[in-house]
Amino acid sequence: MNWHMRWHTIRTLALLDVRARLRRTSTLVTLLAVVALSWLMIGNPADGVTLLSIQEARVRYTSATLALGSASMATLLFAIAGFYLLRGRMAEDQRSGLGGVIGASAAGGRPFVLARWCGGMLYLLALIGVFMLTVLACHLVRGEGPIQPLVYLGTYLVVLLPMALFTASCATLCDSWTPLMGKGGDLLYFLGWLGQLSMMAAIKNGALTSAIPVDFLGMSAIIAALGAHFDIRGSMQLGMAGFDAALAPLTLPVWMWSAQTIAIRAFTALLACLPLWLALVLFHRFSPDRMKPASTRARRSPLALLNNWLRPLARLAQPLFALAARLPGIAGQVMADVALTLGMAPSSIAVLLAAQVLALALDARQLPSLILACVAFWGVLVSDLPTHDADAGCGAMAAALPGGAARRYWRQLAAVFVLGLMFTGVAALRLAGTAPLRALALLSGLFALAAFATMLGRTSGSARTFLALFLFGLSIAVQLDTVAMADVVGFHGSATPLSMLAWAGLGMTAAWGGHLWNRRHDLP
C-alpha cells in the first residue's frame, strides 16, 4: 500500500470514526454538560466570585483572562473526561464481531490505529471547540473589553493541544495493547491524572520560572506565565475565586506566552505522542491469541480489580436479596437493585463495612474526610448502575414491564440514592448532632449526584459520561474550600441553605429531565 492510499484510508476511517462518535446520544449529553460547566466556571463578579484573583484582587475579564482561566479549567476537565469518552472503540469492534474482519484486512494494522487516534483527536477538539464558543458567549455577557479570537486560539493551542495529544494517545494505547484494555488501563491513567494534579500543589508557590516539559495539563505553563507579570507567591486562585472588591482590578497583558514557554510546550506535545508510538508497535490486530475476550467485556471501573480477590464477600449480599423478595412493590425492586450492585462488586461490601466501623470510631472532626472518601467510592460504584439494562441487552425487556422505562428509571434513581445513604448514613447521623447544616448538605448533595448519575447514564447509554464529570468535579470541589456551591456534600462546611436549595433544585431538574426522556422512549 503506497503512501497516497494509506493517507486516503486513514482520512476515511478517521472521518467515519468521528461521525460515529458525534451521532451518539452520549455526545449530545456531554456537549450540554460541557456548556453548563464552562458557564458555571466563569463566575459573575457582581456575585462576589471571579475566574482569577491575585493577591485577593480581581483580574478583569479581558480576552487574555477568560482565555487563560477557561483553558486552565478545560485542561483538567478534558484530560479525564476525554480519556473515558475515547476509550472502548476497539472493544466495541471486538464485541460486535468486526474486530476479526478489521484485523484480517489490509487496513487493520498501523493505518487503522492512526485512523482511530485521528478520529479521537478530532472528537476531542470538537468538544474543546464547543467549550471555547461557550466561553466566547460568556465574554459577550460578562467580558470587559473586545473579543480577540487570536488570543483565545493561541492560549488554547499552548495549553490544551499537548493535553489533547496525550489524552488521545493514552486512550489509543489502552485500546491497542491487551494488558491495558481492561481495568488496568483505566486505573493506570487515573493514577497518572492524579499525579498531574499533585504536580499543581508543588508549583502553586509561584517560584516556577518556566513550564515543565512533562506537565501535559499545562498548569506549570500557566503559573509561569502569571508569575512573569505578577507576584503570585502570596495568594492566587483560579476558578470560582473570591476577591476583595475594595482592591483595584488587575489587567493581564494581551499575550502571556514567551518564546521559551511556546518551545517547551511544543516539546511537551512531542512527548505526548509517545503512547501513540507504543500503540503502533503493540497493536493486537484483534488476534484471538493476543486478546482475552473478557477484557473487552469487563465493566469499566478502577475499583473492579479488587472484586475477584474479594469474591467471597458477595455472600453477604444474600440477606438483601431475601429482603427484596419480601418487600412489596417498588421497595422490593429498589432493594433488589441495591443487592445486585453490591453482589456484583464485592469490594463495595468491604468498603461499606469499613465505613460503618470508622463512622463510629473516628472523632467528629474527622467525619467530613470519611464522608468525602465514601462519596468518591459511591460515585464510581453507581456510575454504571443506570446502564445495567443496556449493557445486558435487556433494555427493551425492562421497558416492556409495567410502568415501562420511566418506572425503571425511578427505581434506579432510588437505588443509587439508597446506596449513597448506606455508605454515608452513620457518619451523617453523627455529624447531625454537631453540624446539622453539613448533614443537610450531604443529603441534598447525594440526591443531586444520584439524579445526575441516573439521568446521564440513561440518556447517554454510557457510564463513562457521569464518571468523568464526577471525578473532575470532585477534584475541583476539594480545592475550593470557600465557595458554597462547590461544597456539594458539606465536606468543607462552607455550604449555605441557599446552596443546598440550589443543588436540590438541580437534582430535581435532572431527575425530571431523565423521566421525560424515558417516557419518550416508552411511546410507540
Protein backbone atom coordinates (compact mmCIF):
# COMPACT_ATOMS: atom_id res chain seq x y z
CA MET A 1 0.00 0.00 0.00
CA ASN A 2 1.60 3.30 -1.09
CA TRP A 3 1.52 6.48 0.98
CA HIS A 4 -1.31 8.03 -1.03
CA MET A 5 -3.56 5.05 -0.42
CA ARG A 6 -2.57 4.93 3.25
CA TRP A 7 -3.40 8.59 3.69
CA HIS A 8 -6.75 8.12 1.96
CA THR A 9 -7.51 5.11 4.19
CA ILE A 10 -6.53 6.94 7.38
CA ARG A 11 -8.60 10.00 6.46
CA THR A 12 -11.67 7.94 5.56
CA LEU A 13 -11.52 5.81 8.70
CA ALA A 14 -10.90 8.86 10.93
CA LEU A 15 -13.88 10.74 9.49
CA LEU A 16 -16.10 7.69 9.90
CA ASP A 17 -14.93 7.30 13.49
CA VAL A 18 -15.60 10.90 14.47
CA ARG A 19 -19.01 10.85 12.73
CA ALA A 20 -19.97 7.72 14.64
CA ARG A 21 -18.97 9.41 17.92
CA LEU A 22 -20.77 12.67 17.15
CA ARG A 23 -24.02 10.87 16.31
CA ARG A 24 -24.26 9.21 19.70
CA THR A 25 -26.66 10.41 22.35
CA SER A 26 -23.77 10.45 24.81
CA THR A 27 -22.10 13.14 22.71
CA LEU A 28 -25.15 15.40 22.95
CA VAL A 29 -25.32 14.87 26.70
CA THR A 30 -21.59 15.55 27.01
CA LEU A 31 -21.86 18.74 24.96
CA LEU A 32 -24.69 20.01 27.15
CA ALA A 33 -22.64 19.22 30.25
CA VAL A 34 -19.60 20.99 28.78
CA VAL A 35 -21.68 24.08 28.01
CA ALA A 36 -23.14 24.14 31.53
CA LEU A 37 -19.75 23.61 33.20
CA SER A 38 -17.99 26.22 31.09
CA TRP A 39 -20.65 28.79 32.02
CA LEU A 40 -20.57 27.92 35.73
CA MET A 41 -16.77 28.11 35.87
CA ILE A 42 -16.79 31.79 34.94
CA GLY A 43 -18.31 33.41 37.99
CA ASN A 44 -20.14 36.70 37.88
CA PRO A 45 -18.07 39.41 39.67
CA ALA A 46 -21.35 41.04 40.70
CA ASP A 47 -21.93 37.99 42.92
CA GLY A 48 -18.51 38.28 44.55
CA VAL A 49 -16.96 35.43 42.53
CA THR A 50 -14.38 35.74 39.77
CA LEU A 51 -12.43 33.42 37.49
CA LEU A 52 -8.96 34.62 38.53
CA SER A 53 -7.78 36.56 41.59
CA ILE A 54 -4.22 37.55 42.51
CA GLN A 55 -3.40 38.81 45.99
CA GLU A 56 -7.19 38.98 46.58
CA ALA A 57 -7.57 41.44 43.69
CA ARG A 58 -9.90 40.58 40.83
CA VAL A 59 -8.42 40.26 37.33
CA ARG A 60 -10.51 41.99 34.67
CA TYR A 61 -12.46 39.78 32.28
CA THR A 62 -10.46 40.59 29.17
CA SER A 63 -9.85 38.10 26.38
CA ALA A 64 -6.49 37.17 27.93
CA THR A 65 -8.06 36.49 31.34
CA LEU A 66 -11.01 34.49 30.07
CA ALA A 67 -8.81 32.52 27.67
CA LEU A 68 -6.23 31.70 30.35
CA GLY A 69 -8.74 30.91 33.09
CA SER A 70 -11.05 28.84 30.92
CA ALA A 71 -8.11 26.92 29.44
CA SER A 72 -6.92 26.02 32.95
CA MET A 73 -10.36 24.61 33.76
CA ALA A 74 -10.74 22.89 30.37
CA THR A 75 -7.42 21.06 30.63
CA LEU A 76 -8.47 19.45 33.92
CA LEU A 77 -11.89 18.52 32.54
CA PHE A 78 -10.93 17.11 29.17
CA ALA A 79 -7.84 15.28 30.44
CA ILE A 80 -10.07 12.96 32.48
CA ALA A 81 -13.39 13.15 30.61
CA GLY A 82 -11.73 12.86 27.20
CA PHE A 83 -9.95 9.64 28.10
CA TYR A 84 -13.09 7.88 29.31
CA LEU A 85 -15.07 9.14 26.32
CA LEU A 86 -12.45 7.96 23.82
CA ARG A 87 -11.90 4.56 25.42
CA GLY A 88 -13.57 1.41 24.21
CA ARG A 89 -13.96 1.81 20.44
CA MET A 90 -11.83 -1.25 19.67
CA ALA A 91 -13.58 -3.24 22.41
CA GLU A 92 -16.86 -2.45 20.65
CA ASP A 93 -15.39 -3.79 17.41
CA GLN A 94 -14.45 -6.98 19.22
CA ARG A 95 -17.90 -7.42 20.79
CA SER A 96 -19.70 -6.75 17.51
CA GLY A 97 -17.58 -9.27 15.60
CA LEU A 98 -16.00 -6.66 13.31
CA GLY A 99 -12.62 -6.96 15.00
CA GLY A 100 -11.64 -10.11 13.16
CA VAL A 101 -12.63 -8.58 9.82
CA ILE A 102 -10.65 -5.40 10.53
CA GLY A 103 -7.61 -7.31 11.75
CA ALA A 104 -7.58 -9.50 8.64
CA SER A 105 -7.87 -6.57 6.23
CA ALA A 106 -5.01 -4.57 4.78
CA ALA A 107 -6.09 -1.54 6.80
CA GLY A 108 -6.14 -3.47 10.06
CA GLY A 109 -2.63 -2.57 11.13
CA ARG A 110 -0.90 0.74 11.78
CA PRO A 111 -3.14 2.77 9.43
CA PHE A 112 -6.11 1.60 11.47
CA VAL A 113 -4.51 2.67 14.76
CA LEU A 114 -3.57 6.05 13.31
CA ALA A 115 -7.11 6.50 11.99
CA ARG A 116 -8.61 5.74 15.40
CA TRP A 117 -6.19 8.18 17.02
CA CYS A 118 -7.05 10.87 14.46
CA GLY A 119 -10.75 10.26 14.98
CA GLY A 120 -10.33 10.59 18.73
CA MET A 121 -8.32 13.79 18.33
CA LEU A 122 -10.96 15.33 16.06
CA TYR A 123 -13.70 14.38 18.50
CA LEU A 124 -11.79 15.85 21.45
CA LEU A 125 -11.01 19.03 19.52
CA ALA A 126 -14.70 19.35 18.63
CA LEU A 127 -15.61 19.25 22.33
CA ILE A 128 -12.91 21.83 23.09
CA GLY A 129 -14.27 23.99 20.26
CA VAL A 130 -17.75 23.92 21.78
CA PHE A 131 -16.22 24.83 25.12
CA MET A 132 -14.43 27.83 23.57
CA LEU A 133 -17.60 29.01 21.80
CA THR A 134 -19.42 28.91 25.14
CA VAL A 135 -16.68 30.99 26.74
CA LEU A 136 -16.95 33.49 23.88
CA ALA A 137 -20.69 33.73 24.53
CA CYS A 138 -19.94 34.32 28.21
CA HIS A 139 -17.48 37.03 27.16
CA LEU A 140 -20.32 38.83 25.39
CA VAL A 141 -22.29 38.88 28.66
CA ARG A 142 -19.61 39.39 31.33
CA GLY A 143 -16.50 40.43 29.42
CA GLU A 144 -14.62 43.69 29.91
CA GLY A 145 -13.17 44.55 26.55
CA PRO A 146 -13.34 43.35 22.96
CA ILE A 147 -13.31 39.70 21.95
CA GLN A 148 -9.90 38.82 20.50
CA PRO A 149 -10.24 35.43 18.76
CA LEU A 150 -6.50 35.08 18.15
CA VAL A 151 -5.80 35.45 21.86
CA TYR A 152 -8.25 32.64 22.64
CA LEU A 153 -6.90 30.45 19.86
CA GLY A 154 -3.26 30.98 20.82
CA THR A 155 -3.88 30.31 24.52
CA TYR A 156 -5.89 27.18 23.82
CA LEU A 157 -3.19 25.85 21.49
CA VAL A 158 -0.42 26.43 24.03
CA VAL A 159 -2.31 24.94 26.98
CA LEU A 160 -4.72 22.37 25.55
CA LEU A 161 -3.03 20.90 22.46
CA PRO A 162 -0.40 18.83 24.36
CA MET A 163 -3.13 17.66 26.75
CA ALA A 164 -5.37 16.57 23.86
CA LEU A 165 -2.49 14.74 22.17
CA PHE A 166 -1.59 12.93 25.38
CA THR A 167 -5.20 12.00 26.21
CA ALA A 168 -5.93 10.64 22.73
CA SER A 169 -2.60 8.79 22.63
CA CYS A 170 -3.20 7.13 26.01
CA ALA A 171 -6.73 6.13 25.03
CA THR A 172 -5.40 4.60 21.81
CA LEU A 173 -2.64 2.74 23.66
CA CYS A 174 -5.09 1.32 26.20
CA ASP A 175 -7.26 0.04 23.34
CA SER A 176 -4.30 -1.34 21.37
CA TRP A 177 -2.37 -3.31 24.00
CA THR A 178 -4.11 -6.22 25.67
CA PRO A 179 -2.79 -5.72 29.26
CA LEU A 180 -4.26 -2.20 29.31
CA MET A 181 -7.59 -2.94 27.63
CA GLY A 182 -9.44 -3.66 30.87
CA LYS A 183 -9.50 -2.01 34.26
CA GLY A 184 -5.72 -1.87 34.49
CA GLY A 185 -5.57 0.79 31.78
CA ASP A 186 -8.34 2.82 33.40
CA LEU A 187 -6.66 2.67 36.79
CA LEU A 188 -3.20 3.48 35.44
CA TYR A 189 -4.43 6.55 33.57
CA PHE A 190 -6.47 7.75 36.55
CA LEU A 191 -3.40 7.49 38.78
CA GLY A 192 -1.41 9.41 36.17
CA TRP A 193 -4.07 12.12 36.11
CA LEU A 194 -3.92 12.35 39.90
CA GLY A 195 -0.14 12.63 39.62
CA GLN A 196 -0.52 15.55 37.23
CA LEU A 197 -2.92 17.19 39.70
CA SER A 198 -0.47 16.67 42.56
CA MET A 199 2.11 18.50 40.47
CA MET A 200 -0.10 21.58 40.76
CA ALA A 201 0.38 21.67 44.53
CA ALA A 202 4.15 21.77 44.05
CA ILE A 203 4.07 24.71 41.62
CA LYS A 204 1.44 26.90 43.29
CA ASN A 205 4.06 28.71 45.39
CA GLY A 206 4.90 30.87 42.38
CA ALA A 207 8.61 30.03 42.33
CA LEU A 208 8.29 28.42 38.92
CA THR A 209 10.04 30.35 36.14
CA SER A 210 9.34 28.10 33.16
CA ALA A 211 6.99 25.35 32.06
CA ILE A 212 7.70 21.72 32.97
CA PRO A 213 8.14 19.51 29.87
CA VAL A 214 6.28 16.53 31.38
CA ASP A 215 3.34 18.65 32.54
CA PHE A 216 0.80 17.60 29.91
CA LEU A 217 -2.02 19.52 31.61
CA GLY A 218 -0.16 22.79 31.09
CA MET A 219 -0.67 24.18 34.59
CA SER A 220 3.06 24.87 35.00
CA ALA A 221 2.99 26.99 31.84
CA ILE A 222 0.03 28.97 33.22
CA ILE A 223 1.74 29.54 36.59
CA ALA A 224 4.99 30.57 34.90
CA ALA A 225 3.15 33.00 32.60
CA LEU A 226 1.32 34.62 35.51
CA GLY A 227 4.47 34.70 37.63
CA ALA A 228 6.32 36.60 34.90
CA HIS A 229 3.86 39.52 35.19
CA PHE A 230 2.55 39.44 38.79
CA ASP A 231 3.66 38.44 42.27
CA ILE A 232 1.64 35.27 42.84
CA ARG A 233 3.63 33.85 45.73
CA GLY A 234 1.05 35.03 48.25
CA SER A 235 -2.44 34.29 47.04
CA MET A 236 -3.57 33.23 43.59
CA GLN A 237 -6.84 31.44 42.83
CA LEU A 238 -8.14 30.05 39.55
CA GLY A 239 -11.80 29.19 39.11
CA MET A 240 -14.72 30.44 41.26
CA ALA A 241 -12.38 32.58 43.34
CA GLY A 242 -13.35 35.15 45.92
CA PHE A 243 -11.85 38.65 45.82
CA ASP A 244 -11.68 41.92 47.72
CA ALA A 245 -13.92 44.45 45.97
CA ALA A 246 -12.03 47.32 47.63
CA LEU A 247 -8.85 46.50 45.69
CA ALA A 248 -8.34 47.86 42.20
CA PRO A 249 -8.80 45.18 39.49
CA LEU A 250 -5.72 43.90 37.66
CA THR A 251 -5.31 43.55 33.90
CA LEU A 252 -3.42 40.75 32.13
CA PRO A 253 -1.24 41.52 29.10
CA VAL A 254 -2.83 40.68 25.76
CA TRP A 255 -0.20 37.97 25.04
CA MET A 256 1.06 35.93 28.00
CA TRP A 257 3.37 33.44 26.32
CA SER A 258 7.12 33.80 25.92
CA ALA A 259 9.11 32.08 23.18
CA GLN A 260 10.64 29.77 25.80
CA THR A 261 7.22 28.66 27.04
CA ILE A 262 5.99 28.00 23.50
CA ALA A 263 9.12 25.94 22.75
CA ILE A 264 8.67 23.87 25.93
CA ARG A 265 5.00 23.25 25.16
CA ALA A 266 5.94 22.16 21.63
CA PHE A 267 8.40 19.67 23.11
CA THR A 268 5.66 18.51 25.53
CA ALA A 269 3.39 17.92 22.53
CA LEU A 270 6.05 15.63 21.03
CA LEU A 271 6.36 13.72 24.31
CA ALA A 272 2.57 13.40 24.40
CA CYS A 273 2.71 11.30 21.22
CA LEU A 274 4.93 8.61 22.77
CA PRO A 275 1.93 6.48 23.86
CA LEU A 276 0.74 6.57 20.25
CA TRP A 277 4.09 5.21 19.07
CA LEU A 278 3.77 2.39 21.61
CA ALA A 279 0.24 1.71 20.37
CA LEU A 280 1.51 1.36 16.81
CA VAL A 281 4.12 -1.16 17.96
CA LEU A 282 1.92 -3.14 20.35
CA PHE A 283 -1.40 -3.20 18.48
CA HIS A 284 -3.04 -6.61 18.90
CA ARG A 285 -4.78 -6.64 15.47
CA PHE A 286 -7.75 -8.32 17.18
CA SER A 287 -5.79 -11.57 17.22
CA PRO A 288 -7.51 -14.22 19.41
CA ASP A 289 -4.17 -15.46 20.72
CA ARG A 290 -3.25 -11.96 21.92
CA MET A 291 -6.62 -10.79 23.28
CA LYS A 292 -8.72 -12.10 26.12
CA PRO A 293 -12.41 -11.80 25.30
CA ALA A 294 -13.14 -10.98 28.91
CA SER A 295 -11.00 -7.86 28.67
CA THR A 296 -13.35 -6.36 26.12
CA ARG A 297 -16.49 -7.16 28.07
CA ALA A 298 -15.35 -6.11 31.52
CA ARG A 299 -17.06 -3.27 33.33
CA ARG A 300 -15.08 -0.06 33.24
CA SER A 301 -14.29 0.76 36.86
CA PRO A 302 -10.95 1.42 38.54
CA LEU A 303 -12.18 -0.49 41.58
CA ALA A 304 -13.11 -3.67 39.74
CA LEU A 305 -9.57 -5.05 40.15
CA LEU A 306 -10.41 -5.83 43.78
CA ASN A 307 -13.61 -7.69 43.04
CA ASN A 308 -12.03 -11.01 42.07
CA TRP A 309 -9.91 -11.01 45.21
CA LEU A 310 -12.92 -10.26 47.45
CA ARG A 311 -15.43 -12.52 45.71
CA PRO A 312 -16.31 -14.47 48.91
CA LEU A 313 -17.74 -11.27 50.40
CA ALA A 314 -20.53 -11.36 47.81
CA ARG A 315 -22.32 -13.87 50.05
CA LEU A 316 -23.01 -11.03 52.49
CA ALA A 317 -25.44 -9.57 49.96
CA GLN A 318 -27.71 -12.63 50.18
CA PRO A 319 -29.81 -11.22 53.07
CA LEU A 320 -30.56 -8.16 50.93
CA PHE A 321 -31.87 -10.39 48.15
CA ALA A 322 -34.09 -12.16 50.69
CA LEU A 323 -35.33 -8.80 51.98
CA ALA A 324 -36.06 -7.65 48.42
CA ALA A 325 -38.20 -10.76 47.88
CA ARG A 326 -40.27 -9.96 50.97
CA LEU A 327 -40.76 -6.23 50.39
CA PRO A 328 -43.78 -5.42 48.22
CA GLY A 329 -43.88 -3.26 45.11
CA ILE A 330 -41.23 -0.74 44.20
CA ALA A 331 -39.48 -1.00 47.59
CA GLY A 332 -38.54 -4.61 46.89
CA GLN A 333 -37.43 -3.75 43.37
CA VAL A 334 -35.18 -0.96 44.65
CA MET A 335 -33.68 -3.28 47.26
CA ALA A 336 -33.05 -5.88 44.54
CA ASP A 337 -31.05 -3.32 42.55
CA VAL A 338 -29.08 -2.42 45.69
CA ALA A 339 -28.33 -6.07 46.43
CA LEU A 340 -27.36 -6.76 42.83
CA THR A 341 -24.96 -3.79 42.76
CA LEU A 342 -23.24 -4.87 45.98
CA GLY A 343 -23.13 -8.52 44.91
CA MET A 344 -21.53 -7.66 41.57
CA ALA A 345 -18.82 -5.58 43.30
CA PRO A 346 -17.65 -7.37 46.46
CA SER A 347 -15.13 -4.59 47.09
CA SER A 348 -18.08 -2.31 47.79
CA ILE A 349 -19.18 -4.59 50.63
CA ALA A 350 -15.72 -4.38 52.19
CA VAL A 351 -15.73 -0.58 51.92
CA LEU A 352 -19.29 -0.42 53.26
CA LEU A 353 -18.38 -2.43 56.37
CA ALA A 354 -15.22 -0.39 56.92
CA ALA A 355 -17.18 2.86 56.54
CA GLN A 356 -19.61 1.89 59.31
CA VAL A 357 -16.80 0.95 61.70
CA LEU A 358 -14.87 4.17 61.00
CA ALA A 359 -18.01 6.29 61.25
CA LEU A 360 -18.50 5.02 64.82
CA ALA A 361 -14.82 5.09 65.85
CA LEU A 362 -13.49 8.35 64.40
CA ASP A 363 -13.62 11.72 66.07
CA ALA A 364 -16.38 14.05 64.85
CA ARG A 365 -13.79 16.37 63.28
CA GLN A 366 -12.61 13.54 61.04
CA LEU A 367 -16.07 12.60 59.77
CA PRO A 368 -16.09 15.05 56.80
CA SER A 369 -12.98 13.39 55.37
CA LEU A 370 -14.58 9.96 55.79
CA ILE A 371 -17.76 11.20 54.09
CA LEU A 372 -15.77 12.57 51.15
CA ALA A 373 -13.98 9.24 50.70
CA CYS A 374 -17.30 7.35 50.87
CA VAL A 375 -18.92 9.68 48.36
CA ALA A 376 -15.98 9.25 45.97
CA PHE A 377 -16.24 5.45 46.17
CA TRP A 378 -20.04 5.56 45.86
CA GLY A 379 -19.89 7.76 42.76
CA VAL A 380 -17.57 5.34 40.97
CA LEU A 381 -19.62 2.33 42.11
CA VAL A 382 -23.02 3.58 40.91
CA SER A 383 -21.83 5.17 37.67
CA ASP A 384 -22.83 2.07 35.68
CA LEU A 385 -25.96 1.11 37.66
CA PRO A 386 -28.29 3.06 35.30
CA THR A 387 -26.72 1.31 32.30
CA HIS A 388 -27.08 -2.27 33.58
CA ASP A 389 -30.10 -2.98 31.40
CA ALA A 390 -28.47 -1.72 28.21
CA ASP A 391 -25.17 -3.48 28.99
CA ALA A 392 -27.02 -6.77 29.48
CA GLY A 393 -29.05 -6.30 26.30
CA CYS A 394 -32.37 -6.31 28.13
CA GLY A 395 -33.30 -2.64 27.93
CA ALA A 396 -36.30 -3.34 25.70
CA MET A 397 -37.44 -6.09 28.08
CA ALA A 398 -37.29 -3.70 31.05
CA ALA A 399 -39.26 -1.09 29.10
CA ALA A 400 -41.98 -3.69 28.38
CA LEU A 401 -42.63 -4.31 32.08
CA PRO A 402 -45.44 -2.47 33.95
CA GLY A 403 -44.54 1.20 34.18
CA GLY A 404 -42.09 0.95 31.30
CA ALA A 405 -38.70 2.62 31.10
CA ALA A 406 -39.85 5.62 33.14
CA ARG A 407 -40.69 3.50 36.17
CA ARG A 408 -37.47 1.57 35.80
CA TYR A 409 -35.65 4.91 35.74
CA TRP A 410 -37.13 6.00 39.07
CA ARG A 411 -36.27 2.62 40.63
CA GLN A 412 -32.65 3.02 39.56
CA LEU A 413 -32.51 6.59 40.87
CA ALA A 414 -33.87 5.41 44.21
CA ALA A 415 -31.35 2.54 44.32
CA VAL A 416 -28.46 4.94 43.63
CA PHE A 417 -29.64 7.26 46.41
CA VAL A 418 -30.18 4.40 48.87
CA LEU A 419 -26.65 3.15 48.22
CA GLY A 420 -25.35 6.64 48.97
CA LEU A 421 -27.24 6.67 52.27
CA MET A 422 -25.86 3.24 53.15
CA PHE A 423 -22.27 4.44 52.69
CA THR A 424 -22.67 7.77 54.50
CA GLY A 425 -25.72 7.32 56.75
CA VAL A 426 -23.99 6.50 60.03
CA ALA A 427 -21.47 9.32 59.61
CA ALA A 428 -24.27 11.72 58.67
CA LEU A 429 -26.25 10.85 61.80
CA ARG A 430 -23.24 11.53 63.99
CA LEU A 431 -22.50 14.73 62.11
CA ALA A 432 -26.08 15.91 62.52
CA GLY A 433 -25.53 16.26 66.27
CA THR A 434 -22.66 18.74 65.94
CA ALA A 435 -23.10 20.27 62.48
CA PRO A 436 -26.68 19.78 61.24
CA LEU A 437 -26.11 22.07 58.26
CA ARG A 438 -23.39 19.75 56.99
CA ALA A 439 -25.69 16.74 57.34
CA LEU A 440 -28.40 18.52 55.33
CA ALA A 441 -25.83 19.49 52.69
CA LEU A 442 -24.84 15.83 52.44
CA LEU A 443 -28.45 14.77 51.84
CA SER A 444 -29.11 17.41 49.19
CA GLY A 445 -25.77 16.71 47.51
CA LEU A 446 -26.32 12.95 47.46
CA PHE A 447 -29.74 13.43 45.90
CA ALA A 448 -28.38 15.79 43.23
CA LEU A 449 -25.48 13.47 42.38
CA ALA A 450 -27.81 10.45 42.27
CA ALA A 451 -30.15 12.30 39.92
CA PHE A 452 -27.32 13.32 37.60
CA ALA A 453 -25.80 9.81 37.65
CA THR A 454 -29.13 8.23 36.67
CA MET A 455 -30.06 10.88 34.11
CA LEU A 456 -26.66 10.90 32.39
CA GLY A 457 -26.41 7.11 32.42
CA ARG A 458 -29.86 6.58 30.90
CA THR A 459 -29.68 9.37 28.33
CA SER A 460 -26.11 8.75 27.14
CA GLY A 461 -26.16 4.96 27.48
CA SER A 462 -22.65 5.09 28.92
CA ALA A 463 -21.36 5.01 32.49
CA ARG A 464 -18.28 6.96 31.46
CA THR A 465 -20.19 10.23 30.96
CA PHE A 466 -21.11 10.64 34.63
CA LEU A 467 -17.89 9.02 35.85
CA ALA A 468 -15.65 11.50 34.04
CA LEU A 469 -17.68 14.54 35.10
CA PHE A 470 -17.95 13.26 38.67
CA LEU A 471 -14.21 12.71 39.08
CA PHE A 472 -13.45 16.11 37.57
CA GLY A 473 -16.00 17.90 39.74
CA LEU A 474 -14.80 16.11 42.86
CA SER A 475 -11.17 17.11 42.26
CA ILE A 476 -12.19 20.75 41.77
CA ALA A 477 -14.56 20.80 44.76
CA VAL A 478 -11.84 19.56 47.12
CA GLN A 479 -9.69 22.58 46.25
CA LEU A 480 -12.46 25.23 46.55
CA ASP A 481 -12.90 25.41 50.31
CA THR A 482 -14.66 28.80 50.47
CA VAL A 483 -17.22 28.53 47.65
CA ALA A 484 -20.63 27.42 48.90
CA MET A 485 -21.82 25.95 45.59
CA ALA A 486 -18.66 23.83 45.33
CA ASP A 487 -19.32 22.26 48.75
CA VAL A 488 -21.82 19.78 47.33
CA VAL A 489 -21.76 17.23 50.16
CA GLY A 490 -20.76 19.55 53.02
CA PHE A 491 -17.11 18.48 53.12
CA HIS A 492 -15.67 21.96 53.75
CA GLY A 493 -18.53 23.25 55.87
CA SER A 494 -18.99 26.25 53.57
CA ALA A 495 -22.39 25.15 52.21
CA THR A 496 -25.28 27.53 52.90
CA PRO A 497 -29.07 26.97 52.92
CA LEU A 498 -29.18 28.74 49.55
CA SER A 499 -26.54 26.47 48.01
CA MET A 500 -28.31 23.38 49.39
CA LEU A 501 -31.59 24.51 47.88
CA ALA A 502 -29.81 25.17 44.60
CA TRP A 503 -28.35 21.66 44.49
CA ALA A 504 -31.69 20.13 45.47
CA GLY A 505 -33.33 22.11 42.66
CA LEU A 506 -30.69 20.99 40.16
CA GLY A 507 -31.22 17.42 41.29
CA MET A 508 -34.98 17.64 40.80
CA THR A 509 -34.47 19.22 37.38
CA ALA A 510 -32.10 16.42 36.35
CA ALA A 511 -34.45 13.75 37.73
CA TRP A 512 -37.46 15.15 35.90
CA GLY A 513 -35.47 15.58 32.69
CA GLY A 514 -34.47 11.93 32.83
CA HIS A 515 -38.09 10.96 33.45
CA LEU A 516 -39.27 12.85 30.36
CA TRP A 517 -36.54 11.27 28.26
CA ASN A 518 -37.52 7.77 29.39
CA ARG A 519 -41.24 8.43 28.86
CA ARG A 520 -40.47 9.41 25.29
CA HIS A 521 -38.80 6.03 24.79
CA ASP A 522 -41.90 4.27 26.10
CA LEU A 523 -44.02 5.73 23.31
CA PRO A 524 -44.55 3.64 20.14
